[in-house]
Amino acid sequence: MAKLSHKATIAIILKEDAANELFNTVQSIREEHDRSFVRWPPHINLLYPFLESPSSQLDEIVPRLEHAIADANLQVISGSFPALHQFQHSPKRATVFLEPNDETRTQIQTLQAVIQAAFPECDGDTRPFVPHLTLGQAGGGTRGTATLKKKMEAKFSHDMHAWTINSIVVLERTADDPFRVIHTCSLLAP
């Protein structure tokens, strides 16, 4: 039985790019409102938890990822993330996230299902997969969440919701260090 770790994941990350207005806006919001800003890059987890110490298993992990992507013909995703939504954890606490449109959601769900099938031993999370990029946490119940969402929405310009997803990454961290990319696997060109 594989040992899973919350210090490893396969994810999609929003890449740092000075010209990427979406990245800059997401990071400015996360820096102010996401308690995991330092630990995590802006991301969407596909498999979390993942195999323990993946950096020591890349010779096994990489071929599985590459074959899964090739066999399923998983192509670059021209995504759109036009809305904010939230997970309500309790009457007073919520996580606010950037939500994909229906087409992007379906493509990411397909990507996640293919990767999950390639790593069936990574079944530590039994909840339905909901693609999301966390922006921050809200307190203060419904009113606090609504206020935070309005504040976040004001920072997004009308045309900045596009995100081209051209790869997935294996992330790992040790101790209390931030997650770091240990491998990038490209999706196929359309």
N, C-alpha and C. Protein backbone atom coordinates (compact mmCIF):
# COMPACT_ATOMS: atom_id res chain seq x y z
N MET A 1 0.85 -1.19 0.00
CA MET A 1 0.00 0.00 0.00
C MET A 1 0.88 1.25 0.00
N ALA A 2 0.58 2.17 -0.88
CA ALA A 2 1.37 3.39 -1.01
C ALA A 2 1.14 4.29 0.20
N LYS A 3 2.20 4.95 0.60
CA LYS A 3 2.09 5.92 1.68
C LYS A 3 1.85 7.30 1.07
N LEU A 4 0.76 7.95 1.49
CA LEU A 4 0.41 9.26 0.98
C LEU A 4 0.85 10.34 1.95
N SER A 5 1.09 11.53 1.40
CA SER A 5 1.58 12.64 2.21
C SER A 5 0.87 13.93 1.83
N HIS A 6 0.56 14.75 2.85
CA HIS A 6 0.02 16.08 2.62
C HIS A 6 1.14 17.08 2.30
N LYS A 7 2.35 16.58 2.13
CA LYS A 7 3.47 17.42 1.74
C LYS A 7 3.82 17.20 0.27
N ALA A 8 2.86 16.62 -0.48
CA ALA A 8 3.07 16.36 -1.90
C ALA A 8 1.73 16.42 -2.62
N THR A 9 1.77 16.88 -3.87
CA THR A 9 0.55 16.98 -4.68
C THR A 9 0.90 17.01 -6.16
N ILE A 10 -0.07 16.64 -6.98
CA ILE A 10 -0.02 16.95 -8.41
C ILE A 10 -1.03 18.07 -8.59
N ALA A 11 -0.61 19.14 -9.25
CA ALA A 11 -1.46 20.33 -9.33
C ALA A 11 -1.25 21.08 -10.64
N ILE A 12 -2.15 22.00 -10.86
CA ILE A 12 -2.00 23.03 -11.89
C ILE A 12 -1.59 24.28 -11.14
N ILE A 13 -0.56 24.96 -11.61
CA ILE A 13 -0.20 26.22 -10.95
C ILE A 13 -0.35 27.38 -11.94
N LEU A 14 -0.76 28.50 -11.39
CA LEU A 14 -0.80 29.75 -12.14
C LEU A 14 0.62 30.28 -12.11
N LYS A 15 1.26 30.32 -13.28
CA LYS A 15 2.69 30.63 -13.32
C LYS A 15 2.96 32.12 -13.18
N GLU A 16 4.08 32.40 -12.54
CA GLU A 16 4.52 33.78 -12.36
C GLU A 16 5.00 34.34 -13.68
N ASP A 17 4.48 35.49 -14.02
CA ASP A 17 4.84 36.16 -15.26
C ASP A 17 4.50 37.64 -15.07
N ALA A 18 5.50 38.48 -15.19
CA ALA A 18 5.30 39.91 -14.93
C ALA A 18 4.19 40.50 -15.80
N ALA A 19 3.99 39.92 -16.99
CA ALA A 19 2.97 40.43 -17.89
C ALA A 19 1.60 39.80 -17.62
N ASN A 20 1.54 38.85 -16.72
CA ASN A 20 0.30 38.14 -16.45
C ASN A 20 -0.50 38.89 -15.38
N GLU A 21 -1.47 39.66 -15.82
CA GLU A 21 -2.28 40.46 -14.90
C GLU A 21 -3.07 39.57 -13.94
N LEU A 22 -3.53 38.42 -14.41
CA LEU A 22 -4.27 37.51 -13.54
C LEU A 22 -3.38 37.03 -12.40
N PHE A 23 -2.15 36.60 -12.70
CA PHE A 23 -1.23 36.15 -11.65
C PHE A 23 -1.01 37.25 -10.62
N ASN A 24 -0.70 38.43 -11.10
CA ASN A 24 -0.41 39.53 -10.18
C ASN A 24 -1.60 39.87 -9.29
N THR A 25 -2.80 39.87 -9.86
CA THR A 25 -4.00 40.17 -9.07
C THR A 25 -4.28 39.06 -8.07
N VAL A 26 -4.20 37.81 -8.52
CA VAL A 26 -4.42 36.68 -7.61
C VAL A 26 -3.45 36.74 -6.44
N GLN A 27 -2.18 36.99 -6.74
CA GLN A 27 -1.19 37.00 -5.66
C GLN A 27 -1.39 38.18 -4.70
N SER A 28 -1.81 39.32 -5.21
CA SER A 28 -2.04 40.45 -4.30
C SER A 28 -3.22 40.15 -3.38
N ILE A 29 -4.24 39.49 -3.90
CA ILE A 29 -5.39 39.10 -3.07
C ILE A 29 -4.97 38.03 -2.07
N ARG A 30 -4.26 37.02 -2.55
CA ARG A 30 -3.85 35.93 -1.66
C ARG A 30 -2.93 36.43 -0.55
N GLU A 31 -2.03 37.32 -0.88
CA GLU A 31 -1.10 37.82 0.13
C GLU A 31 -1.85 38.46 1.30
N GLU A 32 -2.94 39.11 1.00
CA GLU A 32 -3.72 39.79 2.04
C GLU A 32 -4.71 38.86 2.75
N HIS A 33 -5.24 37.84 2.04
CA HIS A 33 -6.37 37.09 2.59
C HIS A 33 -6.16 35.58 2.74
N ASP A 34 -5.09 35.02 2.20
CA ASP A 34 -4.91 33.56 2.25
C ASP A 34 -3.84 33.20 3.26
N ARG A 35 -4.23 32.50 4.30
CA ARG A 35 -3.27 32.14 5.35
C ARG A 35 -2.21 31.17 4.83
N SER A 36 -2.43 30.56 3.67
CA SER A 36 -1.45 29.63 3.09
C SER A 36 -0.64 30.27 1.97
N PHE A 37 -0.64 31.59 1.90
CA PHE A 37 0.05 32.30 0.82
C PHE A 37 1.52 31.91 0.71
N VAL A 38 2.22 31.84 1.82
CA VAL A 38 3.65 31.52 1.79
C VAL A 38 3.88 30.06 1.46
N ARG A 39 3.04 29.18 1.94
CA ARG A 39 3.24 27.74 1.77
C ARG A 39 2.94 27.26 0.35
N TRP A 40 1.91 27.80 -0.27
CA TRP A 40 1.45 27.31 -1.57
C TRP A 40 1.59 28.38 -2.66
N PRO A 41 1.97 27.98 -3.89
CA PRO A 41 1.81 28.89 -5.03
C PRO A 41 0.32 28.92 -5.39
N PRO A 42 -0.12 29.85 -6.23
CA PRO A 42 -1.52 29.81 -6.67
C PRO A 42 -1.73 28.53 -7.49
N HIS A 43 -2.69 27.71 -7.08
CA HIS A 43 -2.77 26.36 -7.65
C HIS A 43 -4.18 25.80 -7.61
N ILE A 44 -4.35 24.71 -8.37
CA ILE A 44 -5.53 23.84 -8.29
C ILE A 44 -4.98 22.44 -8.07
N ASN A 45 -5.26 21.86 -6.92
CA ASN A 45 -4.81 20.49 -6.66
C ASN A 45 -5.58 19.51 -7.54
N LEU A 46 -4.86 18.54 -8.10
CA LEU A 46 -5.48 17.46 -8.85
C LEU A 46 -5.47 16.17 -8.02
N LEU A 47 -4.36 15.90 -7.36
CA LEU A 47 -4.24 14.75 -6.45
C LEU A 47 -3.57 15.22 -5.17
N TYR A 48 -4.34 15.25 -4.10
CA TYR A 48 -3.82 15.68 -2.81
C TYR A 48 -4.60 14.96 -1.72
N PRO A 49 -3.93 14.22 -0.86
CA PRO A 49 -2.48 14.04 -0.77
C PRO A 49 -1.95 13.17 -1.92
N PHE A 50 -0.62 13.23 -2.09
CA PHE A 50 0.04 12.46 -3.15
C PHE A 50 1.08 11.56 -2.51
N LEU A 51 1.80 10.83 -3.33
CA LEU A 51 2.80 9.88 -2.84
C LEU A 51 3.86 10.57 -1.99
N GLU A 52 4.22 9.94 -0.90
CA GLU A 52 5.23 10.50 0.00
C GLU A 52 6.58 10.60 -0.72
N SER A 53 7.28 11.69 -0.49
CA SER A 53 8.62 11.93 -1.05
C SER A 53 8.68 11.69 -2.56
N PRO A 54 7.87 12.40 -3.34
CA PRO A 54 7.87 12.15 -4.78
C PRO A 54 9.20 12.44 -5.46
N SER A 55 10.01 13.32 -4.89
CA SER A 55 11.31 13.61 -5.52
C SER A 55 12.19 12.36 -5.58
N SER A 56 11.98 11.42 -4.68
CA SER A 56 12.76 10.19 -4.70
C SER A 56 12.12 9.12 -5.60
N GLN A 57 10.96 9.44 -6.18
CA GLN A 57 10.25 8.47 -7.01
C GLN A 57 9.96 8.99 -8.42
N LEU A 58 10.63 10.06 -8.82
CA LEU A 58 10.33 10.67 -10.12
C LEU A 58 10.50 9.70 -11.29
N ASP A 59 11.46 8.77 -11.18
CA ASP A 59 11.67 7.82 -12.27
C ASP A 59 10.46 6.90 -12.47
N GLU A 60 9.60 6.78 -11.47
CA GLU A 60 8.36 6.01 -11.60
C GLU A 60 7.16 6.92 -11.88
N ILE A 61 7.16 8.09 -11.29
CA ILE A 61 6.02 9.01 -11.41
C ILE A 61 5.93 9.62 -12.80
N VAL A 62 7.05 10.11 -13.33
CA VAL A 62 7.04 10.84 -14.61
C VAL A 62 6.50 9.99 -15.75
N PRO A 63 6.96 8.74 -15.94
CA PRO A 63 6.39 7.95 -17.04
C PRO A 63 4.88 7.72 -16.89
N ARG A 64 4.41 7.55 -15.68
CA ARG A 64 2.97 7.36 -15.46
C ARG A 64 2.19 8.61 -15.87
N LEU A 65 2.72 9.78 -15.50
CA LEU A 65 2.07 11.04 -15.89
C LEU A 65 2.09 11.21 -17.41
N GLU A 66 3.25 11.02 -18.01
CA GLU A 66 3.39 11.23 -19.45
C GLU A 66 2.50 10.28 -20.24
N HIS A 67 2.46 9.01 -19.83
CA HIS A 67 1.61 8.03 -20.53
C HIS A 67 0.13 8.39 -20.37
N ALA A 68 -0.26 8.79 -19.18
CA ALA A 68 -1.67 9.16 -18.95
C ALA A 68 -2.07 10.33 -19.85
N ILE A 69 -1.21 11.34 -19.92
CA ILE A 69 -1.50 12.52 -20.75
C ILE A 69 -1.57 12.13 -22.22
N ALA A 70 -0.60 11.33 -22.68
CA ALA A 70 -0.57 10.93 -24.09
C ALA A 70 -1.75 10.01 -24.44
N ASP A 71 -1.99 9.01 -23.60
CA ASP A 71 -3.06 8.04 -23.89
C ASP A 71 -4.44 8.70 -23.94
N ALA A 72 -4.65 9.69 -23.10
CA ALA A 72 -5.95 10.39 -23.07
C ALA A 72 -5.97 11.62 -23.97
N ASN A 73 -4.84 11.88 -24.65
CA ASN A 73 -4.73 13.05 -25.53
C ASN A 73 -5.13 14.34 -24.80
N LEU A 74 -4.58 14.52 -23.60
CA LEU A 74 -4.90 15.70 -22.79
C LEU A 74 -4.18 16.92 -23.35
N GLN A 75 -4.95 17.87 -23.83
CA GLN A 75 -4.40 19.03 -24.50
C GLN A 75 -4.43 20.27 -23.61
N VAL A 76 -3.63 21.25 -24.04
CA VAL A 76 -3.59 22.55 -23.37
C VAL A 76 -5.03 23.05 -23.21
N ILE A 77 -5.32 23.63 -22.06
CA ILE A 77 -6.66 24.14 -21.75
C ILE A 77 -6.64 25.66 -21.82
N SER A 78 -7.47 26.21 -22.69
CA SER A 78 -7.66 27.67 -22.72
C SER A 78 -8.79 27.98 -21.75
N GLY A 79 -8.41 28.18 -20.50
CA GLY A 79 -9.39 28.29 -19.44
C GLY A 79 -9.91 29.69 -19.21
N SER A 80 -11.06 29.73 -18.56
CA SER A 80 -11.65 30.99 -18.13
C SER A 80 -12.17 30.82 -16.71
N PHE A 81 -11.84 31.78 -15.86
CA PHE A 81 -12.19 31.74 -14.44
C PHE A 81 -12.93 33.04 -14.09
N PRO A 82 -14.20 33.15 -14.51
CA PRO A 82 -14.90 34.43 -14.40
C PRO A 82 -15.62 34.71 -13.09
N ALA A 83 -15.63 33.75 -12.17
CA ALA A 83 -16.46 33.95 -10.98
C ALA A 83 -15.74 33.61 -9.69
N LEU A 84 -16.21 34.21 -8.62
CA LEU A 84 -15.76 33.86 -7.27
C LEU A 84 -16.88 33.05 -6.62
N HIS A 85 -16.48 32.05 -5.87
CA HIS A 85 -17.44 31.22 -5.15
C HIS A 85 -16.82 30.90 -3.80
N GLN A 86 -17.53 30.16 -2.97
CA GLN A 86 -16.95 29.82 -1.67
C GLN A 86 -17.37 28.43 -1.22
N PHE A 87 -16.50 27.82 -0.42
CA PHE A 87 -16.83 26.64 0.36
C PHE A 87 -17.20 27.16 1.74
N GLN A 88 -18.37 26.82 2.22
CA GLN A 88 -18.79 27.25 3.56
C GLN A 88 -18.40 26.15 4.54
N HIS A 89 -17.42 26.42 5.41
CA HIS A 89 -16.93 25.41 6.35
C HIS A 89 -17.78 25.35 7.61
N SER A 90 -18.34 26.47 7.98
CA SER A 90 -19.19 26.56 9.17
C SER A 90 -20.03 27.83 9.00
N PRO A 91 -20.96 28.09 9.90
CA PRO A 91 -21.74 29.32 9.76
C PRO A 91 -20.88 30.59 9.77
N LYS A 92 -19.68 30.52 10.31
CA LYS A 92 -18.85 31.72 10.42
C LYS A 92 -17.60 31.71 9.54
N ARG A 93 -17.27 30.58 8.90
CA ARG A 93 -16.01 30.50 8.14
C ARG A 93 -16.25 29.98 6.73
N ALA A 94 -15.51 30.57 5.77
CA ALA A 94 -15.60 30.14 4.38
C ALA A 94 -14.25 30.33 3.70
N THR A 95 -14.05 29.56 2.63
CA THR A 95 -12.90 29.75 1.75
C THR A 95 -13.42 30.28 0.43
N VAL A 96 -12.90 31.41 0.00
CA VAL A 96 -13.31 32.05 -1.26
C VAL A 96 -12.32 31.62 -2.34
N PHE A 97 -12.86 31.26 -3.50
CA PHE A 97 -11.98 30.79 -4.58
C PHE A 97 -12.42 31.30 -5.94
N LEU A 98 -11.45 31.26 -6.87
CA LEU A 98 -11.67 31.59 -8.26
C LEU A 98 -12.24 30.34 -8.92
N GLU A 99 -13.39 30.48 -9.55
CA GLU A 99 -14.11 29.33 -10.10
C GLU A 99 -14.07 29.35 -11.62
N PRO A 100 -13.79 28.19 -12.25
CA PRO A 100 -13.79 28.14 -13.71
C PRO A 100 -15.20 28.15 -14.28
N ASN A 101 -15.31 28.56 -15.56
CA ASN A 101 -16.60 28.44 -16.23
C ASN A 101 -16.87 26.96 -16.51
N ASP A 102 -18.05 26.64 -17.03
CA ASP A 102 -18.45 25.23 -17.20
C ASP A 102 -17.51 24.45 -18.10
N GLU A 103 -17.11 25.03 -19.22
CA GLU A 103 -16.23 24.33 -20.16
C GLU A 103 -14.87 24.05 -19.51
N THR A 104 -14.30 25.04 -18.86
CA THR A 104 -13.00 24.87 -18.20
C THR A 104 -13.12 23.86 -17.07
N ARG A 105 -14.20 23.93 -16.30
CA ARG A 105 -14.40 22.98 -15.20
C ARG A 105 -14.41 21.55 -15.73
N THR A 106 -15.15 21.32 -16.82
CA THR A 106 -15.23 19.98 -17.40
C THR A 106 -13.86 19.50 -17.86
N GLN A 107 -13.08 20.37 -18.49
CA GLN A 107 -11.75 19.99 -18.96
C GLN A 107 -10.83 19.65 -17.78
N ILE A 108 -10.89 20.44 -16.72
CA ILE A 108 -10.04 20.17 -15.56
C ILE A 108 -10.50 18.90 -14.84
N GLN A 109 -11.81 18.67 -14.78
CA GLN A 109 -12.31 17.44 -14.18
C GLN A 109 -11.85 16.21 -14.97
N THR A 110 -11.84 16.33 -16.29
CA THR A 110 -11.33 15.24 -17.13
C THR A 110 -9.85 15.01 -16.86
N LEU A 111 -9.08 16.08 -16.81
CA LEU A 111 -7.65 15.99 -16.50
C LEU A 111 -7.45 15.30 -15.16
N GLN A 112 -8.18 15.72 -14.14
CA GLN A 112 -8.04 15.13 -12.81
C GLN A 112 -8.41 13.65 -12.83
N ALA A 113 -9.47 13.28 -13.52
CA ALA A 113 -9.90 11.87 -13.57
C ALA A 113 -8.83 10.99 -14.23
N VAL A 114 -8.21 11.50 -15.28
CA VAL A 114 -7.15 10.74 -15.96
C VAL A 114 -5.95 10.57 -15.04
N ILE A 115 -5.55 11.64 -14.36
CA ILE A 115 -4.41 11.55 -13.44
C ILE A 115 -4.75 10.64 -12.26
N GLN A 116 -5.97 10.74 -11.75
CA GLN A 116 -6.41 9.86 -10.66
C GLN A 116 -6.34 8.39 -11.09
N ALA A 117 -6.77 8.10 -12.31
CA ALA A 117 -6.73 6.73 -12.82
C ALA A 117 -5.30 6.22 -12.96
N ALA A 118 -4.37 7.11 -13.26
CA ALA A 118 -2.96 6.72 -13.38
C ALA A 118 -2.32 6.46 -12.02
N PHE A 119 -2.92 7.02 -10.97
CA PHE A 119 -2.41 6.86 -9.60
C PHE A 119 -3.56 6.43 -8.69
N PRO A 120 -4.11 5.23 -8.91
CA PRO A 120 -5.27 4.80 -8.12
C PRO A 120 -4.98 4.68 -6.63
N GLU A 121 -3.71 4.53 -6.29
CA GLU A 121 -3.34 4.43 -4.88
C GLU A 121 -3.47 5.77 -4.14
N CYS A 122 -3.63 6.85 -4.90
CA CYS A 122 -3.76 8.19 -4.30
C CYS A 122 -5.24 8.55 -4.17
N ASP A 123 -5.91 7.82 -3.33
CA ASP A 123 -7.35 8.00 -3.15
C ASP A 123 -7.69 8.50 -1.76
N GLY A 124 -6.81 9.33 -1.21
CA GLY A 124 -6.97 9.82 0.16
C GLY A 124 -8.10 10.81 0.34
N ASP A 125 -8.56 11.44 -0.73
CA ASP A 125 -9.64 12.41 -0.63
C ASP A 125 -10.85 11.83 -1.35
N THR A 126 -11.88 11.50 -0.60
CA THR A 126 -13.06 10.86 -1.19
C THR A 126 -14.16 11.85 -1.57
N ARG A 127 -13.94 13.14 -1.31
CA ARG A 127 -14.94 14.15 -1.69
C ARG A 127 -14.96 14.31 -3.21
N PRO A 128 -16.08 14.74 -3.77
CA PRO A 128 -16.11 15.03 -5.21
C PRO A 128 -15.07 16.11 -5.54
N PHE A 129 -14.43 15.96 -6.71
CA PHE A 129 -13.42 16.92 -7.12
C PHE A 129 -14.09 18.21 -7.61
N VAL A 130 -13.72 19.33 -7.02
CA VAL A 130 -14.22 20.65 -7.40
C VAL A 130 -13.02 21.52 -7.74
N PRO A 131 -12.76 21.77 -9.05
CA PRO A 131 -11.61 22.60 -9.41
C PRO A 131 -11.78 24.02 -8.88
N HIS A 132 -10.76 24.48 -8.17
CA HIS A 132 -10.83 25.83 -7.59
C HIS A 132 -9.43 26.32 -7.26
N LEU A 133 -9.25 27.63 -7.32
CA LEU A 133 -8.00 28.27 -6.92
C LEU A 133 -8.32 29.16 -5.72
N THR A 134 -7.83 28.77 -4.56
CA THR A 134 -8.14 29.49 -3.33
C THR A 134 -7.56 30.90 -3.35
N LEU A 135 -8.40 31.86 -3.00
CA LEU A 135 -7.98 33.26 -2.89
C LEU A 135 -7.84 33.69 -1.44
N GLY A 136 -8.62 33.10 -0.55
CA GLY A 136 -8.51 33.49 0.85
C GLY A 136 -9.62 32.92 1.70
N GLN A 137 -9.52 33.20 2.98
CA GLN A 137 -10.49 32.72 3.94
C GLN A 137 -11.28 33.91 4.48
N ALA A 138 -12.56 33.67 4.74
CA ALA A 138 -13.44 34.72 5.25
C ALA A 138 -14.02 34.30 6.58
N GLY A 139 -14.11 35.24 7.48
CA GLY A 139 -14.81 35.03 8.74
C GLY A 139 -16.03 35.93 8.76
N GLY A 140 -16.78 35.87 9.84
CA GLY A 140 -17.91 36.78 9.98
C GLY A 140 -19.18 36.32 9.31
N GLY A 141 -19.29 35.03 9.02
CA GLY A 141 -20.52 34.51 8.47
C GLY A 141 -20.81 34.99 7.06
N THR A 142 -22.08 34.96 6.70
CA THR A 142 -22.52 35.32 5.36
C THR A 142 -22.13 36.74 4.99
N ARG A 143 -22.30 37.65 5.92
CA ARG A 143 -21.97 39.06 5.66
C ARG A 143 -20.46 39.23 5.42
N GLY A 144 -19.64 38.59 6.25
CA GLY A 144 -18.19 38.69 6.10
C GLY A 144 -17.72 38.11 4.78
N THR A 145 -18.31 36.98 4.38
CA THR A 145 -17.95 36.35 3.10
C THR A 145 -18.36 37.25 1.94
N ALA A 146 -19.56 37.79 1.98
CA ALA A 146 -20.03 38.67 0.90
C ALA A 146 -19.16 39.92 0.78
N THR A 147 -18.77 40.48 1.91
CA THR A 147 -17.91 41.67 1.91
C THR A 147 -16.56 41.35 1.30
N LEU A 148 -15.98 40.21 1.70
CA LEU A 148 -14.68 39.83 1.16
C LEU A 148 -14.77 39.56 -0.35
N LYS A 149 -15.81 38.88 -0.79
CA LYS A 149 -15.97 38.60 -2.21
C LYS A 149 -16.08 39.90 -3.01
N LYS A 150 -16.83 40.87 -2.53
CA LYS A 150 -16.95 42.16 -3.23
C LYS A 150 -15.60 42.86 -3.31
N LYS A 151 -14.86 42.81 -2.22
CA LYS A 151 -13.53 43.43 -2.20
C LYS A 151 -12.61 42.76 -3.23
N MET A 152 -12.67 41.42 -3.31
CA MET A 152 -11.85 40.68 -4.27
C MET A 152 -12.30 40.96 -5.69
N GLU A 153 -13.60 40.93 -5.94
CA GLU A 153 -14.13 41.16 -7.29
C GLU A 153 -13.71 42.53 -7.83
N ALA A 154 -13.62 43.51 -6.96
CA ALA A 154 -13.23 44.86 -7.37
C ALA A 154 -11.80 44.90 -7.91
N LYS A 155 -10.98 43.93 -7.54
CA LYS A 155 -9.58 43.92 -7.99
C LYS A 155 -9.41 43.28 -9.36
N PHE A 156 -10.40 42.53 -9.82
CA PHE A 156 -10.31 41.87 -11.12
C PHE A 156 -10.86 42.79 -12.20
N SER A 157 -10.08 42.97 -13.28
CA SER A 157 -10.59 43.76 -14.40
C SER A 157 -11.47 42.85 -15.26
N HIS A 158 -12.25 43.47 -16.10
CA HIS A 158 -13.26 42.77 -16.90
C HIS A 158 -12.67 41.65 -17.76
N ASP A 159 -11.49 41.84 -18.31
CA ASP A 159 -10.96 40.91 -19.31
C ASP A 159 -9.80 40.06 -18.81
N MET A 160 -9.65 39.90 -17.52
CA MET A 160 -8.46 39.20 -17.03
C MET A 160 -8.72 37.80 -16.52
N HIS A 161 -9.76 37.15 -16.98
CA HIS A 161 -10.12 35.84 -16.45
C HIS A 161 -9.51 34.67 -17.22
N ALA A 162 -8.81 34.95 -18.32
CA ALA A 162 -8.23 33.88 -19.13
C ALA A 162 -6.97 33.32 -18.48
N TRP A 163 -6.82 32.02 -18.59
CA TRP A 163 -5.65 31.34 -18.04
C TRP A 163 -5.37 30.14 -18.93
N THR A 164 -4.25 30.14 -19.63
CA THR A 164 -3.87 29.01 -20.45
C THR A 164 -3.14 28.01 -19.57
N ILE A 165 -3.71 26.83 -19.46
CA ILE A 165 -3.14 25.76 -18.64
C ILE A 165 -2.40 24.82 -19.58
N ASN A 166 -1.07 24.90 -19.58
CA ASN A 166 -0.30 24.09 -20.52
C ASN A 166 0.54 23.01 -19.85
N SER A 167 0.42 22.88 -18.52
CA SER A 167 1.19 21.84 -17.84
C SER A 167 0.59 21.53 -16.48
N ILE A 168 1.02 20.41 -15.93
CA ILE A 168 0.74 20.08 -14.55
C ILE A 168 2.08 19.90 -13.86
N VAL A 169 2.08 20.01 -12.55
CA VAL A 169 3.34 19.92 -11.81
C VAL A 169 3.20 18.97 -10.64
N VAL A 170 4.35 18.44 -10.23
CA VAL A 170 4.45 17.71 -8.98
C VAL A 170 5.07 18.69 -7.99
N LEU A 171 4.38 18.92 -6.89
CA LEU A 171 4.86 19.82 -5.84
C LEU A 171 5.21 19.01 -4.60
N GLU A 172 6.24 19.48 -3.91
CA GLU A 172 6.66 18.81 -2.68
C GLU A 172 7.19 19.86 -1.71
N ARG A 173 7.05 19.57 -0.44
CA ARG A 173 7.66 20.43 0.58
C ARG A 173 8.22 19.54 1.67
N THR A 174 9.19 20.10 2.39
CA THR A 174 9.76 19.40 3.53
C THR A 174 9.56 20.29 4.75
N ALA A 175 9.39 19.66 5.88
CA ALA A 175 9.18 20.39 7.14
C ALA A 175 8.11 21.46 6.94
N ASP A 176 8.42 22.70 7.29
CA ASP A 176 7.47 23.80 7.12
C ASP A 176 7.82 24.69 5.94
N ASP A 177 8.70 24.20 5.05
CA ASP A 177 9.09 24.97 3.87
C ASP A 177 7.91 25.11 2.91
N PRO A 178 7.94 26.11 2.03
CA PRO A 178 6.90 26.22 0.99
C PRO A 178 7.00 25.07 -0.01
N PHE A 179 5.89 24.78 -0.66
CA PHE A 179 5.90 23.79 -1.74
C PHE A 179 6.79 24.31 -2.86
N ARG A 180 7.49 23.37 -3.51
CA ARG A 180 8.33 23.72 -4.66
C ARG A 180 8.03 22.73 -5.79
N VAL A 181 8.18 23.20 -7.00
CA VAL A 181 7.97 22.35 -8.17
C VAL A 181 9.17 21.42 -8.30
N ILE A 182 8.89 20.11 -8.35
CA ILE A 182 9.98 19.15 -8.56
C ILE A 182 9.91 18.52 -9.95
N HIS A 183 8.76 18.68 -10.62
CA HIS A 183 8.66 18.22 -12.00
C HIS A 183 7.48 18.92 -12.68
N THR A 184 7.68 19.26 -13.95
CA THR A 184 6.62 19.84 -14.78
C THR A 184 6.37 18.90 -15.94
N CYS A 185 5.13 18.60 -16.20
CA CYS A 185 4.74 17.72 -17.29
C CYS A 185 3.80 18.50 -18.22
N SER A 186 4.22 18.67 -19.46
CA SER A 186 3.43 19.47 -20.41
C SER A 186 2.21 18.73 -20.90
N LEU A 187 1.14 19.48 -21.11
CA LEU A 187 -0.02 18.94 -21.80
C LEU A 187 0.26 19.02 -23.30
N LEU A 188 -0.52 18.32 -24.10
CA LEU A 188 -0.26 18.24 -25.53
C LEU A 188 -0.75 19.50 -26.25
N ALA A 189 -0.05 19.86 -27.31
CA ALA A 189 -0.47 20.99 -28.14
C ALA A 189 -1.75 20.60 -28.87
N PRO A 190 -2.67 21.55 -29.03
CA PRO A 190 -3.94 21.22 -29.73
C PRO A 190 -3.71 20.92 -31.20
